[in-house]
Amino acid sequence: MKAFHFWFVAGAFHLGGAFCLRHTRCHQEVIALDALSIHQLAMTRPDLNLFRALDALLATQSVTEAAARLGLSVSAMSRCLSRLRSITGDPLFVRAGARLVPTPRAMSLARRVPGILADIESVLARDDDTFDPATLDRTFQLRANEGFIYRFAAPLIAAMQSDAPLARLHLAPKPTKDATALRDGVADLEIGVLGDFAPEVRTRKLFEDDFIAAVRPGHPLLASPVTPARFAAALHVVSSRRGLAVGPVDAALAELGLTRQVVGIVPGFPDAMEVASRSDLVAQVPRSVLRRNLVGLPLPVPVPGIAVSAMWHPRFETDPEQRWFRKVVIATILRIQAGSD
């Protein structure tokens, strides 16, 4: 009886061990299946952050530029593109020389992604029901160059006053391309030409600008077509915060064996136009800031244009007051530019 009992107990222990082993293996298989399902789910149901990555890729058609726009590393953006390709089953972008070009599927998505992003941000944003511009009592700082301030200050202040009579606009000079003021919250918005000083900064392109020659009415240059030689022979005043007397126009003239004579250097475009309006000096300024009392002439040599953008820090992306301020500024600038075309 004791022997049988020992055998029964031993057998029961053996069977119990087998059961425990099978149970453990089954549990491990379930865990493995769950992990696989989660991985497959992640590959078939896109992370909402991928919409931002896709939007940046569609806008820049460059992994490097898209990464800089979102503040990611190039390798991280490459992984986003790989996941997007897996999810959509389409290459989305293919190499064409030094850039990527979108496939038809990507071009189709380009028409929908911005709207999807806007809807997502609207759903997740802080409730703005309590925000009333009429009660907004604060000062917003906008940094820009002197030419922009000269042209846009009055209409911007008027546009803000119509919605927020208690708000104030501080238009401050922008001496350098430095994101410190945006990062520290000293400046709420900047207007200017993009640089590589802060890849995390949010941007909105406002308009493209080109450089022209500005002269007073009756200037000798107006007597006949402006050739490179006649342009170079005139006396010039240049605008430079750093005190430089040469620029892209000089490089273009040099290719023709010509050199212009710069006799005055001033800090900003308004200063250069003031000098030009009172003398026979020629000023080179962006077309968008040309004063009405001056005549604008196309430059006789090719000079690269510029893209003017609004810039703000992502820490204020969803703040209702900041969103209202950006909307007013951007809408006003676009309206004025559309009226000037």
Protein backbone atom coordinates (compact mmCIF):
# COMPACT_ATOMS: atom_id res chain seq x y z
CA MET A 1 0.00 0.00 0.00
CA LYS A 2 2.81 2.33 0.86
CA ALA A 3 4.61 1.45 -2.35
CA PHE A 4 1.44 2.01 -4.38
CA HIS A 5 0.82 5.27 -2.58
CA PHE A 6 4.33 6.40 -3.34
CA TRP A 7 3.87 5.49 -7.01
CA PHE A 8 0.54 7.34 -7.14
CA VAL A 9 1.94 10.44 -5.53
CA ALA A 10 5.03 10.35 -7.74
CA GLY A 11 2.86 9.84 -10.82
CA ALA A 12 0.58 12.65 -9.78
CA PHE A 13 3.62 14.89 -9.32
CA HIS A 14 4.90 13.87 -12.74
CA LEU A 15 1.52 14.53 -14.35
CA GLY A 16 1.26 17.80 -12.50
CA GLY A 17 4.72 18.79 -13.71
CA ALA A 18 3.78 17.92 -17.29
CA PHE A 19 0.63 19.98 -16.91
CA CYS A 20 2.59 22.89 -15.50
CA LEU A 21 5.10 22.64 -18.35
CA ARG A 22 2.34 22.57 -20.96
CA HIS A 23 0.60 25.45 -19.23
CA THR A 24 3.81 27.49 -19.18
CA ARG A 25 4.46 26.83 -22.86
CA CYS A 26 0.88 27.76 -23.69
CA HIS A 27 1.20 30.97 -21.71
CA GLN A 28 4.46 31.82 -23.47
CA GLU A 29 2.83 31.18 -26.84
CA VAL A 30 -0.07 33.47 -25.92
CA ILE A 31 2.38 36.19 -24.90
CA ALA A 32 4.29 35.74 -28.15
CA LEU A 33 1.07 35.94 -30.16
CA ASP A 34 0.04 39.05 -28.28
CA ALA A 35 3.41 40.68 -29.02
CA LEU A 36 3.08 39.76 -32.70
CA SER A 37 -0.45 41.15 -32.81
CA ILE A 38 0.69 44.37 -31.20
CA HIS A 39 3.53 44.67 -33.71
CA GLN A 40 1.19 44.00 -36.62
CA LEU A 41 -1.31 46.45 -35.20
CA ALA A 42 1.40 49.10 -34.93
CA MET A 43 2.37 48.49 -38.55
CA THR A 44 -1.20 48.59 -39.88
CA ARG A 45 -2.72 51.29 -37.66
CA PRO A 46 -0.50 54.37 -38.02
CA ASP A 47 0.84 56.41 -35.16
CA LEU A 48 -0.70 59.88 -35.38
CA ASN A 49 2.81 61.32 -35.29
CA LEU A 50 3.35 59.74 -38.69
CA PHE A 51 0.89 62.24 -40.14
CA ARG A 52 3.26 65.04 -39.15
CA ALA A 53 6.18 63.16 -40.66
CA LEU A 54 4.26 62.58 -43.89
CA ASP A 55 3.17 66.22 -44.01
CA ALA A 56 6.77 67.38 -43.60
CA LEU A 57 8.02 64.95 -46.25
CA LEU A 58 5.34 66.07 -48.69
CA ALA A 59 6.18 69.72 -48.07
CA THR A 60 9.96 69.43 -48.34
CA GLN A 61 10.44 66.30 -50.52
CA SER A 62 13.61 65.73 -48.50
CA VAL A 63 14.27 63.44 -45.55
CA THR A 64 16.91 65.84 -44.22
CA GLU A 65 14.73 68.95 -44.47
CA ALA A 66 11.68 67.14 -43.08
CA ALA A 67 13.73 65.96 -40.10
CA ALA A 68 14.94 69.51 -39.45
CA ARG A 69 11.40 70.87 -39.64
CA LEU A 70 10.17 68.43 -36.96
CA GLY A 71 13.30 68.53 -34.83
CA LEU A 72 14.15 64.87 -35.53
CA SER A 73 17.34 63.17 -36.57
CA VAL A 74 17.69 62.09 -40.18
CA SER A 75 17.73 58.44 -39.12
CA ALA A 76 14.49 58.89 -37.16
CA MET A 77 12.82 60.49 -40.18
CA SER A 78 14.07 57.63 -42.37
CA ARG A 79 12.42 55.17 -39.98
CA CYS A 80 9.18 57.16 -40.22
CA LEU A 81 9.31 56.94 -44.01
CA SER A 82 9.95 53.20 -43.79
CA ARG A 83 6.90 52.75 -41.54
CA LEU A 84 4.77 54.87 -43.85
CA ARG A 85 5.81 52.72 -46.78
CA SER A 86 4.90 49.57 -44.85
CA ILE A 87 1.51 50.94 -43.83
CA THR A 88 0.52 52.27 -47.24
CA GLY A 89 2.15 49.55 -49.35
CA ASP A 90 3.58 52.28 -51.58
CA PRO A 91 7.10 53.74 -51.85
CA LEU A 92 5.56 57.23 -51.53
CA PHE A 93 8.82 58.94 -52.53
CA VAL A 94 11.46 57.87 -55.02
CA ARG A 95 14.89 59.30 -55.69
CA ALA A 96 15.26 61.78 -58.55
CA GLY A 97 18.75 63.19 -58.51
CA ALA A 98 19.44 64.90 -55.20
CA ARG A 99 15.77 65.04 -54.14
CA LEU A 100 12.80 62.80 -53.56
CA VAL A 101 9.73 63.02 -55.77
CA PRO A 102 6.27 61.89 -54.65
CA THR A 103 4.46 58.94 -56.20
CA PRO A 104 0.84 59.34 -57.35
CA ARG A 105 -0.27 57.84 -54.03
CA ALA A 106 1.75 60.43 -52.11
CA MET A 107 0.32 63.25 -54.25
CA SER A 108 -3.16 61.99 -53.44
CA LEU A 109 -2.34 61.96 -49.73
CA ALA A 110 -0.91 65.47 -49.97
CA ARG A 111 -4.41 66.77 -50.65
CA ARG A 112 -5.80 65.16 -47.51
CA VAL A 113 -3.06 65.08 -44.87
CA PRO A 114 -3.07 68.83 -43.99
CA GLY A 115 -6.82 68.69 -43.34
CA ILE A 116 -6.47 65.55 -41.22
CA LEU A 117 -3.71 67.18 -39.17
CA ALA A 118 -5.83 70.28 -38.63
CA ASP A 119 -8.75 68.16 -37.43
CA ILE A 120 -6.53 66.19 -35.04
CA GLU A 121 -4.97 69.34 -33.60
CA SER A 122 -8.42 70.88 -33.21
CA VAL A 123 -9.70 67.86 -31.28
CA LEU A 124 -6.67 67.67 -28.98
CA ALA A 125 -6.21 71.40 -28.46
CA ARG A 126 -7.22 73.16 -25.29
CA ASP A 127 -10.85 74.26 -25.22
CA ASP A 128 -11.01 77.79 -26.61
CA ASP A 129 -14.65 78.42 -25.69
CA THR A 130 -13.61 80.72 -22.85
CA PHE A 131 -11.16 82.76 -24.95
CA ASP A 132 -12.46 86.20 -25.91
CA PRO A 133 -10.10 88.58 -27.76
CA ALA A 134 -12.21 91.53 -26.61
CA THR A 135 -10.98 90.99 -23.04
CA LEU A 136 -7.35 90.27 -23.99
CA ASP A 137 -5.12 92.72 -22.13
CA ARG A 138 -1.50 91.94 -22.95
CA THR A 139 1.45 92.92 -25.14
CA PHE A 140 2.59 90.73 -28.03
CA GLN A 141 6.11 91.11 -29.35
CA LEU A 142 6.80 90.65 -33.05
CA ARG A 143 10.40 90.79 -34.29
CA ALA A 144 11.11 91.83 -37.88
CA ASN A 145 13.46 93.99 -39.92
CA GLU A 146 12.95 97.72 -40.30
CA GLY A 147 11.56 97.45 -43.84
CA PHE A 148 8.80 95.09 -42.71
CA ILE A 149 7.94 97.31 -39.74
CA TYR A 150 7.75 100.37 -42.00
CA ARG A 151 5.27 98.70 -44.34
CA PHE A 152 3.14 96.51 -42.06
CA ALA A 153 3.13 98.16 -38.60
CA ALA A 154 0.07 100.37 -39.10
CA PRO A 155 -2.24 97.73 -40.66
CA LEU A 156 -1.16 95.10 -38.09
CA ILE A 157 -1.98 97.37 -35.17
CA ALA A 158 -5.32 98.28 -36.76
CA ALA A 159 -6.20 94.60 -37.33
CA MET A 160 -5.42 93.72 -33.70
CA GLN A 161 -7.38 96.67 -32.38
CA SER A 162 -10.52 95.67 -34.26
CA ASP A 163 -10.70 92.37 -32.34
CA ALA A 164 -8.74 93.10 -29.16
CA PRO A 165 -8.87 96.81 -28.24
CA LEU A 166 -6.94 96.20 -25.01
CA ALA A 167 -4.04 94.35 -26.68
CA ARG A 168 -0.75 95.98 -27.64
CA LEU A 169 1.78 95.19 -30.36
CA HIS A 170 5.48 95.64 -29.66
CA LEU A 171 7.34 95.66 -32.98
CA ALA A 172 10.99 94.99 -32.19
CA PRO A 173 14.03 94.93 -34.51
CA LYS A 174 15.56 91.63 -35.48
CA PRO A 175 19.32 92.19 -35.36
CA THR A 176 20.33 88.56 -35.95
CA LYS A 177 18.95 85.18 -37.00
CA ASP A 178 18.80 83.82 -33.49
CA ALA A 179 15.99 81.77 -31.93
CA THR A 180 16.79 82.76 -28.34
CA ALA A 181 13.94 85.28 -28.13
CA LEU A 182 11.43 82.71 -29.42
CA ARG A 183 12.74 79.94 -27.18
CA ASP A 184 12.69 82.16 -24.09
CA GLY A 185 9.21 83.48 -24.85
CA VAL A 186 10.46 87.06 -25.17
CA ALA A 187 9.21 87.22 -28.78
CA ASP A 188 5.87 85.71 -29.69
CA LEU A 189 6.44 85.76 -33.44
CA GLU A 190 9.19 86.56 -35.92
CA ILE A 191 8.92 87.55 -39.56
CA GLY A 192 11.89 87.05 -41.85
CA VAL A 193 13.99 84.67 -43.89
CA LEU A 194 14.38 81.16 -42.53
CA GLY A 195 17.73 79.99 -41.26
CA ASP A 196 19.14 76.81 -39.73
CA PHE A 197 19.37 78.33 -36.25
CA ALA A 198 16.44 76.40 -34.74
CA PRO A 199 15.07 73.29 -36.47
CA GLU A 200 12.20 72.97 -33.97
CA VAL A 201 10.71 76.36 -34.84
CA ARG A 202 7.31 76.27 -36.56
CA THR A 203 7.03 78.23 -39.79
CA ARG A 204 4.47 79.54 -42.28
CA LYS A 205 5.62 80.89 -45.62
CA LEU A 206 4.02 84.27 -46.29
CA PHE A 207 5.37 85.47 -49.62
CA GLU A 208 8.37 85.48 -51.93
CA ASP A 209 10.30 88.67 -52.46
CA ASP A 210 12.94 89.90 -54.89
CA PHE A 211 15.46 92.74 -54.82
CA ILE A 212 15.15 95.84 -56.97
CA ALA A 213 16.98 99.13 -57.41
CA ALA A 214 15.29 102.13 -55.77
CA VAL A 215 15.90 105.65 -57.08
CA ARG A 216 14.25 109.05 -56.74
CA PRO A 217 11.92 110.29 -59.49
CA GLY A 218 13.97 111.99 -62.22
CA HIS A 219 17.12 109.98 -61.46
CA PRO A 220 19.59 109.80 -64.41
CA LEU A 221 19.20 106.00 -64.53
CA LEU A 222 15.58 106.47 -65.64
CA ALA A 223 16.59 108.21 -68.85
CA SER A 224 17.35 104.96 -70.71
CA PRO A 225 17.35 101.18 -70.16
CA VAL A 226 19.38 100.12 -67.15
CA THR A 227 22.28 98.00 -68.37
CA PRO A 228 24.79 96.33 -66.05
CA ALA A 229 27.39 98.92 -67.05
CA ARG A 230 25.10 101.91 -66.35
CA PHE A 231 24.00 100.37 -63.06
CA ALA A 232 27.60 99.76 -61.94
CA ALA A 233 28.65 103.29 -62.93
CA ALA A 234 26.08 104.87 -60.59
CA LEU A 235 26.83 105.67 -56.95
CA HIS A 236 25.24 103.28 -54.44
CA VAL A 237 24.07 103.16 -50.84
CA VAL A 238 23.75 99.71 -49.27
CA SER A 239 21.90 98.39 -46.25
CA SER A 240 23.87 96.12 -43.92
CA ARG A 241 23.57 95.52 -40.19
CA ARG A 242 27.12 94.18 -40.22
CA GLY A 243 28.54 97.06 -42.22
CA LEU A 244 29.29 95.02 -45.36
CA ALA A 245 29.65 96.90 -48.63
CA VAL A 246 29.34 93.90 -50.97
CA GLY A 247 26.67 91.30 -51.62
CA PRO A 248 25.20 88.97 -54.28
CA VAL A 249 24.73 91.82 -56.77
CA ASP A 250 28.46 92.52 -56.64
CA ALA A 251 29.25 88.87 -57.36
CA ALA A 252 26.95 88.97 -60.39
CA LEU A 253 28.56 92.18 -61.64
CA ALA A 254 32.03 90.75 -61.12
CA GLU A 255 31.23 87.93 -63.55
CA LEU A 256 30.79 90.65 -66.18
CA GLY A 257 33.99 92.40 -65.16
CA LEU A 258 32.10 95.24 -63.49
CA THR A 259 32.34 96.80 -60.01
CA ARG A 260 29.85 99.20 -58.48
CA GLN A 261 30.93 102.11 -56.32
CA VAL A 262 29.41 102.01 -52.85
CA VAL A 263 29.70 105.37 -51.12
CA GLY A 264 27.29 104.83 -48.21
CA ILE A 265 26.43 102.01 -45.78
CA VAL A 266 23.38 102.27 -43.53
CA PRO A 267 21.80 99.86 -41.00
CA GLY A 268 18.44 99.15 -42.68
CA PHE A 269 16.39 99.37 -45.85
CA PRO A 270 14.34 102.40 -44.68
CA ASP A 271 17.61 104.27 -44.13
CA ALA A 272 18.85 103.33 -47.61
CA MET A 273 15.59 104.51 -49.19
CA GLU A 274 15.71 107.77 -47.26
CA VAL A 275 19.20 108.43 -48.63
CA ALA A 276 18.11 107.48 -52.17
CA SER A 277 15.09 109.80 -51.99
CA ARG A 278 17.33 112.77 -51.20
CA SER A 279 20.21 112.12 -53.61
CA ASP A 280 21.30 110.43 -56.82
CA LEU A 281 22.42 107.33 -54.92
CA VAL A 282 20.88 103.97 -55.83
CA ALA A 283 19.53 101.72 -53.08
CA GLN A 284 18.96 97.98 -53.39
CA VAL A 285 15.88 96.90 -51.42
CA PRO A 286 13.24 94.15 -51.36
CA ARG A 287 10.34 94.97 -53.65
CA SER A 288 7.85 94.55 -50.75
CA VAL A 289 9.27 97.53 -48.79
CA LEU A 290 9.65 100.05 -51.64
CA ARG A 291 8.34 103.47 -50.62
CA ARG A 292 5.80 105.27 -52.75
CA ASN A 293 8.08 108.27 -53.24
CA LEU A 294 10.69 106.12 -55.02
CA VAL A 295 10.86 104.39 -58.38
CA GLY A 296 11.70 100.70 -58.47
CA LEU A 297 13.85 99.27 -61.26
CA PRO A 298 14.67 95.62 -61.99
CA LEU A 299 18.28 94.78 -61.27
CA PRO A 300 20.24 94.30 -64.52
CA VAL A 301 21.91 91.14 -63.17
CA PRO A 302 20.35 88.02 -61.59
CA VAL A 303 20.20 88.11 -57.80
CA PRO A 304 18.57 85.36 -55.67
CA GLY A 305 15.21 86.22 -54.17
CA ILE A 306 14.04 85.49 -50.63
CA ALA A 307 11.09 83.73 -49.00
CA VAL A 308 9.55 85.63 -46.08
CA SER A 309 8.01 83.45 -43.35
CA ALA A 310 6.35 83.71 -39.97
CA MET A 311 8.18 81.80 -37.22
CA TRP A 312 7.11 80.77 -33.73
CA HIS A 313 8.18 78.28 -31.08
CA PRO A 314 6.23 75.00 -30.70
CA ARG A 315 5.76 75.61 -26.97
CA PHE A 316 3.09 78.17 -27.94
CA GLU A 317 1.59 76.13 -30.78
CA THR A 318 -1.80 75.49 -29.14
CA ASP A 319 -2.11 78.48 -26.81
CA PRO A 320 -5.41 80.24 -27.72
CA GLU A 321 -4.01 83.75 -27.32
CA GLN A 322 -0.95 82.97 -29.41
CA ARG A 323 -3.01 81.24 -32.08
CA TRP A 324 -5.26 84.28 -32.32
CA PHE A 325 -2.25 86.59 -32.61
CA ARG A 326 -0.63 84.48 -35.34
CA LYS A 327 -3.90 84.28 -37.25
CA VAL A 328 -4.33 88.07 -37.22
CA VAL A 329 -0.73 88.75 -38.27
CA ILE A 330 -0.62 86.14 -41.02
CA ALA A 331 -4.03 87.06 -42.43
CA THR A 332 -3.15 90.77 -42.48
CA ILE A 333 0.16 90.22 -44.26
CA LEU A 334 -1.40 87.89 -46.85
CA ARG A 335 -4.22 90.37 -47.48
CA ILE A 336 -1.81 93.26 -48.03
CA GLN A 337 0.43 91.18 -50.28
CA ALA A 338 -2.54 90.03 -52.35
CA GLY A 339 -3.62 93.64 -52.79
CA SER A 340 -0.15 94.68 -53.93
CA ASP A 341 0.14 92.07 -56.68
